[in-house]
């Protein structure tokens, strides 16, 4: 790979990570990362009329 391609790939990864972080903070999602999996799950919302903030 040449230098330009490497720099463009690194910039794309950084932008993607920043966008994902902003989306997770803005929404009600929880990100769990382990060595074998990346799990994205909804967080309980205190104002939910169905579960009253308990989740599920």
N, C-alpha and C. Protein backbone atom coordinates (compact mmCIF):
# COMPACT_ATOMS: atom_id res chain seq x y z
N UNK A 1 0.85 -1.18 0.00
CA UNK A 1 0.00 0.00 0.00
C UNK A 1 0.89 1.24 0.00
N UNK A 2 0.49 2.20 -0.76
CA UNK A 2 1.30 3.42 -0.74
C UNK A 2 0.89 4.32 0.42
N UNK A 3 1.63 5.37 0.64
CA UNK A 3 1.43 6.25 1.79
C UNK A 3 0.09 6.95 1.75
N UNK A 4 -0.32 7.39 0.56
CA UNK A 4 -1.59 8.12 0.44
C UNK A 4 -2.78 7.23 0.83
N UNK A 5 -2.77 6.01 0.34
CA UNK A 5 -3.85 5.07 0.66
C UNK A 5 -3.91 4.79 2.16
N UNK A 6 -2.75 4.62 2.76
CA UNK A 6 -2.67 4.35 4.20
C UNK A 6 -3.24 5.52 5.00
N UNK A 7 -2.88 6.74 4.62
CA UNK A 7 -3.39 7.92 5.32
C UNK A 7 -4.90 8.08 5.15
N UNK A 8 -5.41 7.83 3.94
CA UNK A 8 -6.85 7.91 3.71
C UNK A 8 -7.61 6.86 4.52
N UNK A 9 -7.07 5.67 4.61
CA UNK A 9 -7.70 4.61 5.39
C UNK A 9 -7.71 4.97 6.88
N UNK A 10 -6.61 5.50 7.38
CA UNK A 10 -6.55 5.90 8.79
C UNK A 10 -7.54 7.02 9.08
N UNK A 11 -7.68 7.96 8.16
CA UNK A 11 -8.65 9.05 8.35
C UNK A 11 -10.07 8.52 8.34
N UNK A 12 -10.36 7.57 7.47
CA UNK A 12 -11.71 7.00 7.39
C UNK A 12 -12.06 6.26 8.68
N UNK A 13 -11.12 5.54 9.24
CA UNK A 13 -11.36 4.82 10.49
C UNK A 13 -11.62 5.80 11.63
N UNK A 14 -10.84 6.88 11.68
CA UNK A 14 -11.02 7.87 12.74
C UNK A 14 -12.38 8.55 12.63
N UNK A 15 -12.80 8.90 11.43
CA UNK A 15 -14.10 9.55 11.24
C UNK A 15 -15.23 8.60 11.60
N UNK A 16 -15.10 7.35 11.22
CA UNK A 16 -16.13 6.36 11.54
C UNK A 16 -16.26 6.16 13.05
N UNK A 17 -15.15 6.07 13.74
CA UNK A 17 -15.17 5.90 15.20
C UNK A 17 -15.79 7.11 15.88
N UNK A 18 -15.46 8.30 15.42
CA UNK A 18 -16.02 9.52 16.01
C UNK A 18 -17.52 9.60 15.78
N UNK A 19 -17.96 9.26 14.58
CA UNK A 19 -19.39 9.28 14.26
C UNK A 19 -20.15 8.26 15.10
N UNK A 20 -19.61 7.07 15.26
CA UNK A 20 -20.26 6.04 16.06
C UNK A 20 -20.36 6.46 17.51
N UNK A 21 -19.32 7.08 18.04
CA UNK A 21 -19.35 7.54 19.43
C UNK A 21 -20.40 8.61 19.62
N UNK A 22 -20.50 9.55 18.70
CA UNK A 22 -21.50 10.62 18.80
C UNK A 22 -22.91 10.05 18.71
N UNK A 23 -23.12 9.09 17.83
CA UNK A 23 -24.45 8.48 17.69
C UNK A 23 -24.84 7.72 18.95
N UNK A 24 -23.89 7.03 19.57
CA UNK A 24 -24.20 6.29 20.79
C UNK A 24 -24.52 7.22 21.94
N UNK A 25 -23.82 8.34 22.04
CA UNK A 25 -24.10 9.29 23.11
C UNK A 25 -25.43 9.99 22.90
N UNK A 26 -25.80 10.26 21.66
CA UNK A 26 -27.05 10.96 21.36
C UNK A 26 -28.25 10.04 21.54
N UNK A 27 -28.11 8.77 21.26
CA UNK A 27 -29.21 7.84 21.36
C UNK A 27 -29.21 7.10 22.67
N UNK A 28 -30.09 6.15 22.78
CA UNK A 28 -30.17 5.36 24.01
C UNK A 28 -29.64 3.95 23.74
N UNK A 29 -28.38 3.88 23.34
CA UNK A 29 -27.76 2.60 23.03
C UNK A 29 -26.55 2.38 23.93
N UNK A 30 -26.27 1.13 24.22
CA UNK A 30 -25.13 0.74 25.05
C UNK A 30 -24.20 -0.12 24.19
N UNK A 31 -22.93 0.22 24.16
CA UNK A 31 -21.94 -0.51 23.38
C UNK A 31 -21.07 -1.33 24.31
N UNK A 32 -21.01 -2.64 24.08
CA UNK A 32 -20.16 -3.52 24.86
C UNK A 32 -19.19 -4.21 23.90
N UNK A 33 -17.90 -4.10 24.18
CA UNK A 33 -16.88 -4.67 23.30
C UNK A 33 -16.05 -5.66 24.08
N UNK A 34 -15.86 -6.83 23.52
CA UNK A 34 -14.98 -7.83 24.10
C UNK A 34 -14.04 -8.33 23.01
N UNK A 35 -13.22 -9.27 23.34
CA UNK A 35 -12.27 -9.79 22.36
C UNK A 35 -12.97 -10.49 21.20
N UNK A 36 -14.12 -11.10 21.46
CA UNK A 36 -14.80 -11.91 20.44
C UNK A 36 -16.08 -11.30 19.90
N UNK A 37 -16.55 -10.20 20.47
CA UNK A 37 -17.84 -9.68 20.02
C UNK A 37 -17.96 -8.18 20.26
N UNK A 38 -18.80 -7.58 19.48
CA UNK A 38 -19.21 -6.19 19.68
C UNK A 38 -20.73 -6.24 19.79
N UNK A 39 -21.25 -5.79 20.93
CA UNK A 39 -22.69 -5.87 21.17
C UNK A 39 -23.26 -4.46 21.32
N UNK A 40 -24.29 -4.18 20.56
CA UNK A 40 -25.00 -2.91 20.63
C UNK A 40 -26.41 -3.22 21.09
N UNK A 41 -26.78 -2.72 22.28
CA UNK A 41 -28.09 -3.03 22.83
C UNK A 41 -28.75 -1.76 23.35
N UNK A 42 -30.07 -1.73 23.33
CA UNK A 42 -30.77 -0.55 23.82
C UNK A 42 -30.68 -0.42 25.33
N UNK A 43 -30.57 0.82 25.81
CA UNK A 43 -30.56 1.09 27.25
C UNK A 43 -31.98 1.37 27.71
N UNK A 44 -32.30 1.05 28.95
CA UNK A 44 -33.62 1.39 29.49
C UNK A 44 -33.80 2.91 29.51
N UNK A 45 -34.98 3.35 29.15
CA UNK A 45 -35.28 4.78 29.17
C UNK A 45 -36.23 5.06 30.33
N UNK A 46 -35.89 6.01 31.19
CA UNK A 46 -36.74 6.30 32.35
C UNK A 46 -38.17 6.70 31.97
N UNK A 47 -38.37 7.31 30.82
CA UNK A 47 -39.70 7.79 30.43
C UNK A 47 -40.50 6.80 29.62
N UNK A 48 -40.07 5.58 29.53
CA UNK A 48 -40.77 4.58 28.70
C UNK A 48 -42.10 4.21 29.37
N UNK A 49 -43.23 4.39 28.67
CA UNK A 49 -44.53 4.06 29.27
C UNK A 49 -44.79 2.57 29.38
N UNK A 50 -44.10 1.76 28.56
CA UNK A 50 -44.35 0.32 28.59
C UNK A 50 -43.67 -0.38 29.77
N UNK A 51 -42.41 -0.05 30.01
CA UNK A 51 -41.67 -0.76 31.06
C UNK A 51 -41.35 0.14 32.26
N UNK A 52 -41.70 1.38 32.18
CA UNK A 52 -41.48 2.36 33.25
C UNK A 52 -40.02 2.45 33.67
N UNK A 53 -39.11 2.34 32.65
CA UNK A 53 -37.70 2.49 32.91
C UNK A 53 -36.98 1.25 33.37
N UNK A 54 -37.67 0.13 33.45
CA UNK A 54 -37.06 -1.12 33.90
C UNK A 54 -36.25 -1.78 32.80
N UNK A 55 -36.56 -1.51 31.55
CA UNK A 55 -35.92 -2.17 30.42
C UNK A 55 -36.69 -3.42 30.03
N UNK A 56 -36.36 -3.94 28.86
CA UNK A 56 -37.00 -5.18 28.43
C UNK A 56 -38.11 -5.02 27.47
